[in-house]
N, C-alpha and C. Protein backbone atom coordinates (compact mmCIF):
# COMPACT_ATOMS: atom_id res chain seq x y z
N MET A 1 1.17 -1.31 0.08
CA MET A 1 -0.09 -0.17 -0.06
C MET A 1 0.81 0.92 0.07
N THR A 2 0.36 1.82 -1.03
CA THR A 2 1.50 3.23 -0.73
C THR A 2 0.48 4.93 -0.48
N LYS A 3 1.14 5.81 -0.36
CA LYS A 3 1.06 6.39 0.44
C LYS A 3 1.29 8.03 -0.15
N LYS A 4 0.63 9.06 -0.35
CA LYS A 4 1.57 10.47 -1.10
C LYS A 4 1.81 10.62 0.32
N VAL A 5 3.54 11.46 0.03
CA VAL A 5 3.94 11.82 1.35
C VAL A 5 4.87 13.15 0.88
N TYR A 6 4.89 14.17 1.84
CA TYR A 6 5.91 15.27 1.56
C TYR A 6 7.11 15.00 1.91
N VAL A 7 7.66 14.79 1.14
CA VAL A 7 9.36 14.27 1.21
C VAL A 7 10.47 15.34 1.09
N TYR A 8 10.32 16.40 0.12
CA TYR A 8 11.34 17.31 -0.13
C TYR A 8 10.57 18.48 0.07
N LYS A 9 11.07 19.42 1.25
CA LYS A 9 10.91 20.42 1.69
C LYS A 9 10.93 21.99 0.66
N SER A 10 10.42 22.74 1.37
CA SER A 10 10.27 23.68 0.04
C SER A 10 11.53 24.05 -0.56
N PHE A 11 12.61 24.53 0.89
CA PHE A 11 14.23 25.15 0.87
C PHE A 11 14.72 23.68 -0.20
N GLU A 12 14.36 22.66 -0.16
CA GLU A 12 15.38 21.85 -0.61
C GLU A 12 14.90 21.28 -2.00
N ARG A 13 13.96 21.69 -2.47
CA ARG A 13 13.62 21.95 -3.84
C ARG A 13 14.18 23.33 -4.61
N PHE A 14 14.14 24.20 -3.92
CA PHE A 14 14.76 25.60 -4.12
C PHE A 14 16.43 25.37 -4.27
N TRP A 15 17.13 24.95 -3.20
CA TRP A 15 18.10 24.54 -3.48
C TRP A 15 18.85 23.54 -4.38
N HIS A 16 18.08 22.42 -4.72
CA HIS A 16 18.29 21.75 -5.73
C HIS A 16 17.85 22.16 -6.85
N TRP A 17 16.97 23.08 -7.32
CA TRP A 17 17.18 23.69 -8.59
C TRP A 17 17.77 24.78 -8.91
N MET A 18 18.53 25.34 -8.10
CA MET A 18 19.41 26.82 -7.96
C MET A 18 20.68 25.96 -8.40
N GLN A 19 21.07 24.75 -7.37
CA GLN A 19 22.29 24.22 -7.79
C GLN A 19 22.30 23.57 -8.65
N ALA A 20 21.46 23.04 -10.01
CA ALA A 20 21.53 22.81 -11.01
C ALA A 20 21.70 23.73 -11.81
N ILE A 21 20.92 24.97 -11.63
CA ILE A 21 21.02 25.95 -12.70
C ILE A 21 22.42 26.41 -12.79
N LEU A 22 22.57 26.66 -11.49
CA LEU A 22 24.15 27.29 -11.39
C LEU A 22 25.17 26.25 -11.85
N ILE A 23 25.07 25.23 -11.44
CA ILE A 23 26.65 24.11 -12.22
C ILE A 23 26.31 24.03 -13.50
N ILE A 24 25.13 24.04 -14.48
CA ILE A 24 25.20 23.69 -15.63
C ILE A 24 25.62 25.51 -16.04
N PHE A 25 25.21 26.56 -15.43
CA PHE A 25 25.75 27.65 -16.34
C PHE A 25 27.29 27.98 -16.26
N LEU A 26 27.77 27.52 -14.70
CA LEU A 26 29.30 27.45 -14.48
C LEU A 26 29.88 26.74 -15.80
N GLY A 27 29.15 25.55 -16.01
CA GLY A 27 30.09 24.79 -16.97
C GLY A 27 30.02 25.17 -18.08
N PHE A 28 28.50 25.75 -18.69
CA PHE A 28 28.66 26.37 -19.82
C PHE A 28 29.70 27.56 -19.93
N THR A 29 29.67 28.71 -18.96
CA THR A 29 30.94 29.58 -19.39
C THR A 29 31.97 29.23 -18.79
N GLY A 30 32.44 27.84 -18.47
CA GLY A 30 33.79 27.55 -18.27
C GLY A 30 34.33 27.02 -19.21
N PHE A 31 33.38 26.45 -20.02
CA PHE A 31 33.95 25.33 -21.17
C PHE A 31 34.42 26.99 -22.45
N GLU A 32 33.43 28.06 -22.19
CA GLU A 32 33.59 29.18 -23.43
C GLU A 32 34.76 29.66 -22.88
N ILE A 33 35.43 29.83 -21.53
CA ILE A 33 36.77 30.24 -21.08
C ILE A 33 38.03 29.39 -21.50
N HIS A 34 37.65 28.45 -21.53
CA HIS A 34 38.65 27.08 -21.85
C HIS A 34 38.68 27.10 -23.74
N GLY A 35 37.80 28.11 -24.13
CA GLY A 35 38.01 28.62 -25.78
C GLY A 35 37.41 26.99 -26.56
N SER A 36 36.22 26.37 -25.78
CA SER A 36 35.65 25.16 -26.78
C SER A 36 34.52 25.69 -27.80
N TYR A 37 34.24 27.18 -27.38
CA TYR A 37 33.01 27.60 -28.19
C TYR A 37 33.28 28.94 -28.44
N ASN A 38 32.65 29.90 -28.58
CA ASN A 38 32.28 31.68 -28.33
C ASN A 38 30.75 31.63 -28.26
N PHE A 39 30.37 32.00 -27.25
CA PHE A 39 28.78 32.55 -27.06
C PHE A 39 28.80 34.28 -26.60
N PHE A 40 29.29 34.00 -25.61
CA PHE A 40 29.31 35.73 -24.24
C PHE A 40 30.38 36.25 -25.04
N GLY A 41 31.71 35.46 -25.61
CA GLY A 41 32.61 36.16 -25.52
C GLY A 41 33.51 36.00 -24.27
N PHE A 42 34.89 36.25 -24.23
CA PHE A 42 35.80 35.56 -23.40
C PHE A 42 35.71 36.44 -22.09
N GLU A 43 35.78 37.90 -22.07
CA GLU A 43 35.31 38.48 -21.38
C GLU A 43 34.33 38.94 -20.33
N GLU A 44 33.34 38.48 -21.09
CA GLU A 44 31.83 38.36 -20.37
C GLU A 44 31.34 37.03 -19.82
N ALA A 45 32.33 36.05 -20.32
CA ALA A 45 32.19 34.55 -19.63
C ALA A 45 32.67 34.79 -18.59
N VAL A 46 33.74 35.19 -18.50
CA VAL A 46 34.68 35.46 -16.95
C VAL A 46 33.90 36.02 -16.30
N MET A 47 33.53 37.13 -16.60
CA MET A 47 32.22 38.04 -15.44
C MET A 47 31.31 37.01 -14.98
N TYR A 48 30.63 36.61 -15.81
CA TYR A 48 29.17 35.66 -15.67
C TYR A 48 29.70 34.30 -14.96
N HIS A 49 31.07 33.96 -15.00
CA HIS A 49 31.44 32.96 -14.57
C HIS A 49 31.94 32.90 -13.17
N ASN A 50 32.38 34.34 -12.86
CA ASN A 50 32.80 34.92 -11.54
C ASN A 50 31.43 35.03 -10.37
N ILE A 51 30.45 35.66 -11.43
CA ILE A 51 29.51 36.10 -10.62
C ILE A 51 28.04 34.94 -9.98
N SER A 52 28.30 33.83 -10.87
CA SER A 52 27.53 32.48 -10.70
C SER A 52 28.74 31.88 -9.55
N ALA A 53 29.66 32.08 -9.43
CA ALA A 53 30.60 31.33 -8.34
C ALA A 53 30.03 31.66 -7.27
N TYR A 54 30.20 33.05 -6.90
CA TYR A 54 29.99 33.53 -5.98
C TYR A 54 28.40 33.26 -5.40
N LEU A 55 27.21 33.10 -6.61
CA LEU A 55 26.01 33.00 -6.58
C LEU A 55 25.94 31.82 -5.58
N PHE A 56 26.91 30.45 -6.26
CA PHE A 56 27.14 28.82 -5.67
C PHE A 56 27.29 29.01 -4.37
N ILE A 57 28.69 30.08 -4.00
CA ILE A 57 28.91 30.08 -2.75
C ILE A 57 27.95 30.37 -1.73
N ILE A 58 27.32 31.29 -2.34
CA ILE A 58 26.06 31.89 -0.85
C ILE A 58 25.22 30.64 -1.13
N LEU A 59 24.53 30.06 -2.21
CA LEU A 59 23.99 28.81 -1.86
C LEU A 59 24.42 28.00 -1.06
N ILE A 60 25.81 27.61 -0.99
CA ILE A 60 26.14 26.42 -0.47
C ILE A 60 26.36 27.00 1.25
N VAL A 61 26.31 28.22 1.37
CA VAL A 61 26.72 28.47 3.04
C VAL A 61 24.74 28.34 3.38
N PHE A 62 23.99 28.88 2.91
CA PHE A 62 22.44 28.65 3.05
C PHE A 62 22.46 27.23 3.39
N ALA A 63 22.43 26.29 2.43
CA ALA A 63 22.23 24.87 2.31
C ALA A 63 23.16 24.37 3.59
N ILE A 64 24.28 25.02 3.95
CA ILE A 64 24.92 23.83 5.23
C ILE A 64 24.19 24.55 6.13
N PHE A 65 23.88 25.66 6.26
CA PHE A 65 22.91 26.04 7.55
C PHE A 65 21.58 25.32 7.58
N TRP A 66 20.64 25.00 6.58
CA TRP A 66 19.71 24.46 6.76
C TRP A 66 19.86 22.80 6.87
N HIS A 67 20.92 22.54 6.46
CA HIS A 67 20.93 20.52 6.64
C HIS A 67 21.23 20.61 8.17
N PHE A 68 21.83 21.32 9.04
CA PHE A 68 22.65 21.28 10.27
C PHE A 68 21.75 21.58 11.31
N THR A 69 20.54 22.59 10.93
CA THR A 69 19.75 23.05 11.83
C THR A 69 17.85 22.14 11.69
N THR A 70 18.08 21.43 10.50
CA THR A 70 17.16 20.72 10.34
C THR A 70 17.70 18.89 10.51
N GLY A 71 18.73 18.90 10.85
CA GLY A 71 19.59 17.50 10.78
C GLY A 71 19.24 16.87 9.42
N GLU A 72 19.00 17.41 8.19
CA GLU A 72 18.94 16.67 7.41
C GLU A 72 20.23 16.13 6.78
N TRP A 73 21.49 16.46 7.19
CA TRP A 73 22.79 16.27 7.15
C TRP A 73 23.17 14.82 7.24
N ARG A 74 22.01 14.32 8.03
CA ARG A 74 22.30 12.69 8.60
C ARG A 74 21.69 11.46 7.13
N GLN A 75 21.08 12.24 6.39
CA GLN A 75 21.01 11.91 5.09
C GLN A 75 21.84 11.30 4.33
N TYR A 76 23.16 11.58 4.40
CA TYR A 76 24.07 11.48 3.46
C TYR A 76 25.34 11.04 4.17
N ILE A 77 24.96 10.47 5.47
CA ILE A 77 25.82 9.47 6.10
C ILE A 77 26.28 8.19 5.08
N PRO A 78 27.39 7.57 4.83
CA PRO A 78 27.73 6.72 3.79
C PRO A 78 27.09 5.20 4.53
N THR A 79 26.69 4.40 3.81
CA THR A 79 26.37 2.78 4.53
C THR A 79 26.74 2.27 3.37
N TYR A 80 27.07 0.98 4.13
CA TYR A 80 27.52 -0.34 2.98
C TYR A 80 26.56 -0.96 3.09
N LYS A 81 25.59 -1.05 3.86
CA LYS A 81 24.12 -1.90 3.94
C LYS A 81 23.64 -1.80 2.49
N ASN A 82 23.36 -3.14 1.93
CA ASN A 82 22.43 -3.10 0.88
C ASN A 82 23.73 -2.34 -0.42
N MET A 83 24.42 -1.97 0.05
CA MET A 83 25.38 -1.44 -1.36
C MET A 83 25.72 -2.20 -2.69
N VAL A 84 26.10 -3.98 -2.39
CA VAL A 84 26.19 -4.59 -3.65
C VAL A 84 24.77 -4.72 -3.96
N ALA A 85 23.65 -5.13 -3.48
CA ALA A 85 22.60 -5.14 -3.94
C ALA A 85 22.02 -4.17 -4.86
N GLN A 86 22.43 -3.05 -4.57
CA GLN A 86 21.77 -1.45 -4.94
C GLN A 86 22.90 -1.54 -6.40
N MET A 87 23.87 -1.74 -6.10
CA MET A 87 25.03 -2.11 -7.94
C MET A 87 24.65 -2.78 -8.62
N ARG A 88 24.13 -3.78 -7.98
CA ARG A 88 23.34 -4.73 -8.92
C ARG A 88 22.29 -4.54 -9.85
N TYR A 89 21.32 -3.67 -9.00
CA TYR A 89 19.99 -3.01 -9.48
C TYR A 89 20.56 -2.01 -10.32
N TYR A 90 21.56 -1.31 -10.42
CA TYR A 90 21.67 -0.09 -11.16
C TYR A 90 22.54 -0.82 -12.40
N LEU A 91 23.08 -1.92 -12.40
CA LEU A 91 23.75 -2.52 -13.46
C LEU A 91 22.53 -2.97 -14.61
N TYR A 92 21.83 -4.01 -13.98
CA TYR A 92 20.97 -5.15 -14.65
C TYR A 92 19.39 -5.21 -14.18
N GLY A 93 19.48 -4.78 -12.65
CA GLY A 93 17.99 -5.05 -12.08
C GLY A 93 16.89 -4.27 -12.45
N MET A 94 17.34 -2.92 -12.51
CA MET A 94 16.34 -2.08 -13.41
C MET A 94 15.58 -2.38 -14.82
N PHE A 95 16.59 -3.15 -15.38
CA PHE A 95 16.22 -3.03 -17.06
C PHE A 95 15.55 -4.62 -16.77
N THR A 96 15.28 -5.18 -16.06
CA THR A 96 14.57 -6.47 -15.54
C THR A 96 13.28 -6.29 -15.02
N ASN A 97 13.27 -4.66 -14.57
CA ASN A 97 11.76 -4.70 -13.68
C ASN A 97 12.01 -5.28 -12.04
N ALA A 98 13.46 -5.59 -11.85
CA ALA A 98 13.65 -6.33 -10.60
C ALA A 98 12.91 -5.27 -9.26
N PRO A 99 12.72 -6.01 -8.00
CA PRO A 99 12.37 -4.72 -6.96
C PRO A 99 13.78 -3.93 -6.50
N HIS A 100 13.21 -2.67 -6.25
CA HIS A 100 14.33 -1.83 -5.50
C HIS A 100 14.86 -2.47 -4.36
N PRO A 101 16.04 -2.78 -4.19
CA PRO A 101 16.90 -3.48 -2.75
C PRO A 101 16.48 -2.76 -1.81
N THR A 102 16.14 -1.27 -1.87
CA THR A 102 15.99 -0.61 -0.51
C THR A 102 14.80 -0.07 -0.40
N LYS A 103 14.22 0.46 0.60
CA LYS A 103 13.16 0.95 0.77
C LYS A 103 12.87 2.91 1.04
N LYS A 104 12.36 3.63 0.40
CA LYS A 104 12.96 4.87 0.43
C LYS A 104 11.71 5.32 1.30
N THR A 105 12.33 6.60 2.11
CA THR A 105 11.50 6.67 3.51
C THR A 105 11.67 8.28 3.81
N VAL A 106 11.08 9.34 4.28
CA VAL A 106 11.34 10.66 4.41
C VAL A 106 12.69 10.82 5.04
N LEU A 107 12.79 9.72 6.46
CA LEU A 107 14.27 9.85 7.13
C LEU A 107 15.27 9.20 6.50
N SER A 108 14.94 8.24 5.53
CA SER A 108 16.17 7.83 4.39
C SER A 108 15.52 7.81 3.40
N LYS A 109 15.85 9.22 2.77
CA LYS A 109 15.49 9.43 0.91
C LYS A 109 16.78 8.50 0.20
N LEU A 110 17.89 8.62 0.43
CA LEU A 110 18.88 8.13 -0.34
C LEU A 110 19.14 6.50 -0.16
N ASN A 111 19.61 5.89 -1.20
CA ASN A 111 19.96 4.23 -1.25
C ASN A 111 21.75 4.81 -1.23
N PRO A 112 22.09 3.22 -0.72
CA PRO A 112 23.53 3.51 -0.15
C PRO A 112 24.27 4.12 -1.40
N MET A 113 24.31 4.16 -2.78
CA MET A 113 25.19 4.24 -3.78
C MET A 113 24.88 5.98 -3.80
N GLN A 114 23.84 6.11 -3.58
CA GLN A 114 23.64 7.71 -3.58
C GLN A 114 24.43 8.32 -2.11
N LYS A 115 24.31 7.84 -1.19
CA LYS A 115 24.48 8.35 -0.04
C LYS A 115 26.16 8.40 -0.22
N LEU A 116 27.00 7.74 -0.71
CA LEU A 116 28.16 7.52 -0.97
C LEU A 116 28.55 8.70 -1.60
N THR A 117 27.65 9.02 -3.08
CA THR A 117 27.96 9.96 -4.21
C THR A 117 27.76 11.23 -3.66
N TYR A 118 26.87 11.53 -2.82
CA TYR A 118 26.73 13.05 -2.32
C TYR A 118 27.50 13.16 -1.58
N PHE A 119 27.74 12.44 -0.58
CA PHE A 119 28.78 12.23 0.53
C PHE A 119 30.08 12.86 0.02
N GLY A 120 30.49 12.08 -1.17
CA GLY A 120 32.04 12.60 -2.13
C GLY A 120 31.53 14.45 -2.33
N LEU A 121 30.28 14.18 -3.06
CA LEU A 121 30.78 15.37 -3.52
C LEU A 121 30.51 16.75 -2.90
N LYS A 122 29.98 16.33 -1.61
CA LYS A 122 29.69 17.31 -0.76
C LYS A 122 31.23 17.78 0.29
N ILE A 123 31.88 16.52 0.48
CA ILE A 123 33.09 16.87 1.32
C ILE A 123 34.43 16.91 0.36
N LEU A 124 34.36 16.76 -0.66
CA LEU A 124 35.73 16.61 -1.79
C LEU A 124 35.42 17.31 -2.93
N ILE A 125 34.28 16.95 -3.95
CA ILE A 125 34.64 17.60 -5.18
C ILE A 125 34.10 19.12 -5.45
N ILE A 126 32.71 19.30 -4.50
CA ILE A 126 32.51 20.59 -4.41
C ILE A 126 33.44 21.59 -3.56
N PRO A 127 34.08 21.00 -2.55
CA PRO A 127 35.06 21.90 -1.97
C PRO A 127 36.20 22.30 -2.97
N LEU A 128 36.61 21.20 -3.51
CA LEU A 128 37.57 21.21 -4.38
C LEU A 128 37.86 22.40 -5.25
N SER A 129 36.30 22.43 -6.07
CA SER A 129 35.92 23.19 -6.88
C SER A 129 36.10 24.39 -6.51
N VAL A 130 35.15 24.97 -5.69
CA VAL A 130 35.01 26.10 -4.65
C VAL A 130 36.17 26.86 -4.25
N SER A 131 37.30 25.69 -3.91
CA SER A 131 38.32 26.29 -3.41
C SER A 131 39.70 26.74 -4.36
N SER A 132 39.48 25.95 -5.59
CA SER A 132 40.63 26.01 -6.60
C SER A 132 39.58 27.44 -7.45
N GLY A 133 38.73 27.68 -7.42
CA GLY A 133 38.06 28.50 -8.13
C GLY A 133 38.42 30.07 -7.27
N LEU A 134 38.20 30.20 -5.85
CA LEU A 134 38.71 31.23 -5.17
C LEU A 134 40.25 31.54 -5.31
N PHE A 135 40.99 30.74 -5.39
CA PHE A 135 42.49 30.67 -5.31
C PHE A 135 42.43 31.25 -7.12
N TYR A 136 41.74 30.79 -7.95
CA TYR A 136 42.19 31.33 -9.42
C TYR A 136 41.48 32.68 -9.37
N MET A 137 40.09 32.91 -8.60
CA MET A 137 40.15 34.64 -9.06
C MET A 137 40.82 35.05 -8.16
N LEU A 138 41.23 35.26 -6.76
CA LEU A 138 41.95 35.71 -6.51
C LEU A 138 43.84 35.51 -6.29
N TYR A 139 43.78 35.02 -7.05
CA TYR A 139 45.49 34.65 -7.56
C TYR A 139 46.25 36.34 -7.33
N ARG A 140 47.18 36.18 -6.61
CA ARG A 140 48.21 37.29 -6.26
C ARG A 140 47.71 38.94 -6.10
N TYR A 141 46.25 38.66 -5.39
CA TYR A 141 45.76 39.81 -4.88
C TYR A 141 46.36 40.19 -3.34
N PRO A 142 46.75 39.37 -2.81
CA PRO A 142 47.52 39.82 -1.53
C PRO A 142 48.79 40.34 -1.76
N GLN A 143 49.59 40.23 -3.08
CA GLN A 143 50.64 40.73 -3.26
C GLN A 143 50.78 42.07 -2.66
N ARG A 144 49.61 42.85 -3.30
CA ARG A 144 49.45 44.62 -2.91
C ARG A 144 49.79 44.60 -1.39
N HIS A 145 49.20 43.58 -0.34
CA HIS A 145 49.26 44.05 0.61
C HIS A 145 51.05 43.56 1.43
N GLU A 146 51.69 42.86 0.50
CA GLU A 146 52.99 42.33 0.86
C GLU A 146 52.85 41.18 1.36
N ILE A 147 52.09 40.13 1.42
CA ILE A 147 51.72 38.95 1.87
C ILE A 147 52.47 38.02 1.04
N LYS A 148 53.72 37.59 1.07
CA LYS A 148 54.31 36.97 -0.51
C LYS A 148 54.09 35.46 -0.06
N PHE A 149 53.71 34.77 1.31
CA PHE A 149 53.64 33.62 1.60
C PHE A 149 52.63 33.35 1.00
N LEU A 150 51.66 34.06 0.70
CA LEU A 150 50.36 33.66 -0.11
C LEU A 150 50.25 33.47 -1.83
N ASN A 151 51.55 34.32 -2.43
CA ASN A 151 51.53 33.82 -3.37
C ASN A 151 51.56 33.00 -4.29
N ILE A 152 51.40 32.56 -5.23
CA ILE A 152 51.71 31.47 -6.16
C ILE A 152 52.10 31.58 -7.46
N ASP A 153 53.19 30.57 -7.61
CA ASP A 153 54.28 30.63 -9.03
C ASP A 153 53.03 30.65 -9.87
N SER A 154 52.22 29.19 -10.34
CA SER A 154 51.76 28.84 -11.35
C SER A 154 50.47 28.79 -10.79
N LEU A 155 49.45 29.22 -12.18
CA LEU A 155 47.95 28.71 -11.86
C LEU A 155 47.53 27.26 -12.29
N GLU A 156 48.69 26.88 -12.92
CA GLU A 156 48.49 25.42 -13.90
C GLU A 156 47.86 24.67 -12.77
N ILE A 157 48.63 24.35 -11.72
CA ILE A 157 48.19 23.14 -10.75
C ILE A 157 46.72 23.65 -10.75
N ILE A 158 46.30 24.76 -9.89
CA ILE A 158 44.87 25.05 -9.87
C ILE A 158 43.62 25.19 -10.76
N ALA A 159 44.44 25.28 -11.91
CA ALA A 159 43.46 25.73 -13.10
C ALA A 159 43.40 23.55 -13.39
N ILE A 160 44.24 22.86 -13.41
CA ILE A 160 43.92 21.35 -13.53
C ILE A 160 42.93 20.77 -12.16
N VAL A 161 43.16 21.58 -11.23
CA VAL A 161 42.19 20.51 -10.24
C VAL A 161 40.82 21.49 -10.21
N HIS A 162 40.75 22.70 -10.79
CA HIS A 162 39.56 23.15 -11.04
C HIS A 162 38.70 22.55 -11.45
N THR A 163 39.75 22.21 -13.02
CA THR A 163 39.08 21.72 -14.32
C THR A 163 38.64 20.21 -13.96
N VAL A 164 39.18 19.66 -13.30
CA VAL A 164 39.01 18.03 -12.65
C VAL A 164 37.60 17.81 -12.12
N ALA A 165 37.72 18.68 -11.05
CA ALA A 165 36.46 18.89 -10.36
C ALA A 165 34.89 19.19 -11.08
N ALA A 166 35.31 20.25 -12.00
CA ALA A 166 34.40 20.81 -12.81
C ALA A 166 33.97 19.39 -14.02
N PHE A 167 34.46 18.64 -14.09
CA PHE A 167 34.44 17.26 -15.20
C PHE A 167 33.48 16.28 -14.02
N PHE A 168 33.91 16.27 -13.13
CA PHE A 168 33.59 15.38 -12.16
C PHE A 168 31.89 15.82 -11.89
N LEU A 169 31.25 17.34 -11.42
CA LEU A 169 30.16 17.73 -11.43
C LEU A 169 29.47 17.58 -12.43
N VAL A 170 29.94 18.04 -13.90
CA VAL A 170 29.29 17.69 -15.26
C VAL A 170 29.28 16.39 -15.39
N SER A 171 29.76 15.41 -14.98
CA SER A 171 29.73 14.00 -15.48
C SER A 171 28.46 13.46 -14.16
N PHE A 172 28.50 14.08 -12.92
CA PHE A 172 27.63 13.71 -12.23
C PHE A 172 26.36 14.38 -12.55
N LEU A 173 26.19 15.39 -13.16
CA LEU A 173 24.89 15.94 -13.63
C LEU A 173 24.34 15.31 -14.83
N ILE A 174 24.73 14.59 -15.60
CA ILE A 174 24.72 13.82 -16.47
C ILE A 174 24.18 12.49 -15.94
N VAL A 175 24.68 11.74 -15.46
CA VAL A 175 24.23 10.53 -14.46
C VAL A 175 23.10 10.79 -14.09
N HIS A 176 22.75 12.21 -13.58
CA HIS A 176 21.82 12.14 -12.46
C HIS A 176 21.02 12.53 -13.14
N LEU A 177 20.78 13.24 -14.34
CA LEU A 177 19.65 13.59 -15.57
C LEU A 177 19.14 12.06 -15.81
N TYR A 178 19.95 11.01 -16.13
CA TYR A 178 19.65 9.95 -16.70
C TYR A 178 19.11 8.90 -15.40
N LEU A 179 19.07 9.00 -14.29
CA LEU A 179 18.49 8.47 -13.51
C LEU A 179 17.18 8.61 -12.77
N ILE A 180 17.29 10.03 -13.11
CA ILE A 180 15.59 10.58 -12.73
C ILE A 180 14.51 9.85 -13.66
N THR A 181 15.05 9.59 -14.70
CA THR A 181 14.00 8.82 -15.49
C THR A 181 13.88 7.44 -15.10
N THR A 182 14.77 6.80 -14.17
CA THR A 182 14.37 5.23 -13.83
C THR A 182 13.47 4.90 -12.81
N GLY A 183 12.60 5.96 -12.47
CA GLY A 183 11.44 5.78 -11.26
C GLY A 183 10.38 4.91 -11.99
N GLU A 184 9.34 4.78 -11.02
CA GLU A 184 8.21 3.79 -11.68
C GLU A 184 7.43 4.34 -13.05
N LYS A 185 7.87 5.74 -13.01
CA LYS A 185 7.51 6.15 -14.32
C LYS A 185 8.41 7.08 -14.87
N VAL A 186 8.64 7.94 -16.19
CA VAL A 186 10.34 8.74 -16.58
C VAL A 186 9.91 9.65 -15.72
N THR A 187 8.64 10.08 -15.55
CA THR A 187 8.50 11.72 -14.51
C THR A 187 8.09 11.97 -13.24
N THR A 188 8.23 10.36 -12.75
CA THR A 188 7.99 10.56 -11.16
C THR A 188 8.78 10.95 -10.33
N ASN A 189 10.39 11.18 -10.53
CA ASN A 189 11.22 11.67 -9.83
C ASN A 189 11.33 12.92 -9.98
N LEU A 190 10.98 13.36 -10.98
CA LEU A 190 10.93 14.66 -11.58
C LEU A 190 10.18 15.42 -11.06
N LYS A 191 8.71 15.03 -10.90
CA LYS A 191 7.60 15.25 -10.59
C LYS A 191 7.73 15.54 -9.29
N ALA A 192 8.43 14.60 -8.14
CA ALA A 192 8.49 14.63 -6.56
C ALA A 192 9.34 15.90 -6.29
N MET A 193 10.32 16.13 -7.27
CA MET A 193 11.16 17.29 -7.01
C MET A 193 10.39 18.68 -7.19
N LEU A 194 9.36 18.74 -7.65
CA LEU A 194 8.77 19.74 -8.22
C LEU A 194 7.67 20.16 -7.14
N THR A 195 7.03 19.20 -7.18
CA THR A 195 6.09 19.18 -5.98
C THR A 195 6.20 19.23 -4.76
N GLY A 196 7.24 18.23 -4.43
CA GLY A 196 7.53 18.07 -2.94
C GLY A 196 7.05 16.34 -2.26
N TYR A 197 6.00 16.07 -2.80
CA TYR A 197 5.20 14.93 -2.65
C TYR A 197 5.95 14.06 -3.95
N GLU A 198 5.47 12.18 -2.99
CA GLU A 198 5.63 11.04 -3.85
C GLU A 198 5.25 10.04 -2.85
N GLU A 199 5.24 9.23 -3.86
CA GLU A 199 4.25 7.86 -3.37
C GLU A 199 5.10 6.84 -2.86
N LEU A 200 5.10 6.79 -1.61
CA LEU A 200 6.07 5.76 -0.56
C LEU A 200 4.98 4.76 -0.30
N GLU A 201 5.94 3.71 0.18
CA GLU A 201 4.91 2.65 0.91
C GLU A 201 4.74 3.00 2.22
N HIS A 202 3.24 2.96 3.10
CA HIS A 202 3.21 3.39 3.58
C HIS A 202 3.14 2.54 5.00
N ASP A 203 4.23 3.04 6.05
CA ASP A 203 4.54 3.23 7.30
C ASP A 203 4.33 3.47 8.60
N ASP A 204 3.73 2.59 9.65
CA ASP A 204 3.25 3.55 10.97
C ASP A 204 4.32 3.94 11.14
N SER A 205 5.55 2.98 11.57
CA SER A 205 6.80 2.92 12.29
C SER A 205 7.36 4.51 11.87
N GLU A 206 7.41 4.77 10.95
CA GLU A 206 8.17 5.67 9.89
C GLU A 206 7.40 6.94 10.59
N LEU A 207 6.16 6.89 10.07
CA LEU A 207 5.34 8.26 10.82
C LEU A 207 5.39 8.49 12.18
N LEU A 208 5.97 7.64 13.36
CA LEU A 208 5.99 7.80 14.44
C LEU A 208 7.28 8.27 14.60
N LYS A 209 8.56 7.63 13.91
CA LYS A 209 9.62 8.50 14.29
C LYS A 209 9.43 10.13 13.65
N LEU A 210 9.03 10.45 12.62
CA LEU A 210 8.67 11.66 12.59
C LEU A 210 8.18 12.61 13.58
N LYS A 211 6.99 12.18 13.68
CA LYS A 211 6.44 12.76 15.01
C LYS A 211 7.49 12.64 16.06
N GLU A 212 8.14 11.92 16.69
CA GLU A 212 8.96 12.48 17.51
C GLU A 212 10.15 12.93 17.64
N SER A 213 10.61 13.15 15.64
CA SER A 213 11.59 14.13 15.43
C SER A 213 11.46 15.61 15.50
N LYS A 214 10.20 15.59 15.49
CA LYS A 214 9.81 17.26 15.57
C LYS A 214 10.04 17.85 17.01
């Protein structure tokens, strides 16, 4: 028996869509800066890329505050329980209509592979992308204050780190776009992130935990 449940809160949905838009725009302007094509022009692409980067950082700050004040950070703690079963499901199970190995609930929205992926993004890929981007934008700015130990002799390593992190983010986005089509219907997961509601298996114990956590 399934029941329509409010899974994704308003800020969670706002953060999700704004993050997606900013990552796409950062990737678009970033590739232009690298000379892949010409759309805005180099100088405007750099300006728009920097503005988007600062907006992304502001969004991250609000998201961190929201995750810790609501306790939602617990959703991303990695677990190896059902990890192998989840990998098998993604490799061939979902193509043969096999049942999903993990049960989605409000208190556990992510399966083991999603938890591990998002955990890696939050503690490694995004911090690397943001920190290398800031180093790139603030390159040699401290020199005017004669803080010589903060100077960097070359941007090459920073540029490589920033580009590698960006490719990981773009790769994640492509895979993510594909996986949202693998719900009960092609639009099921997309609709859930737009409305906040999703059809989940009814579980009285889950409802009790939710009441106790409030």
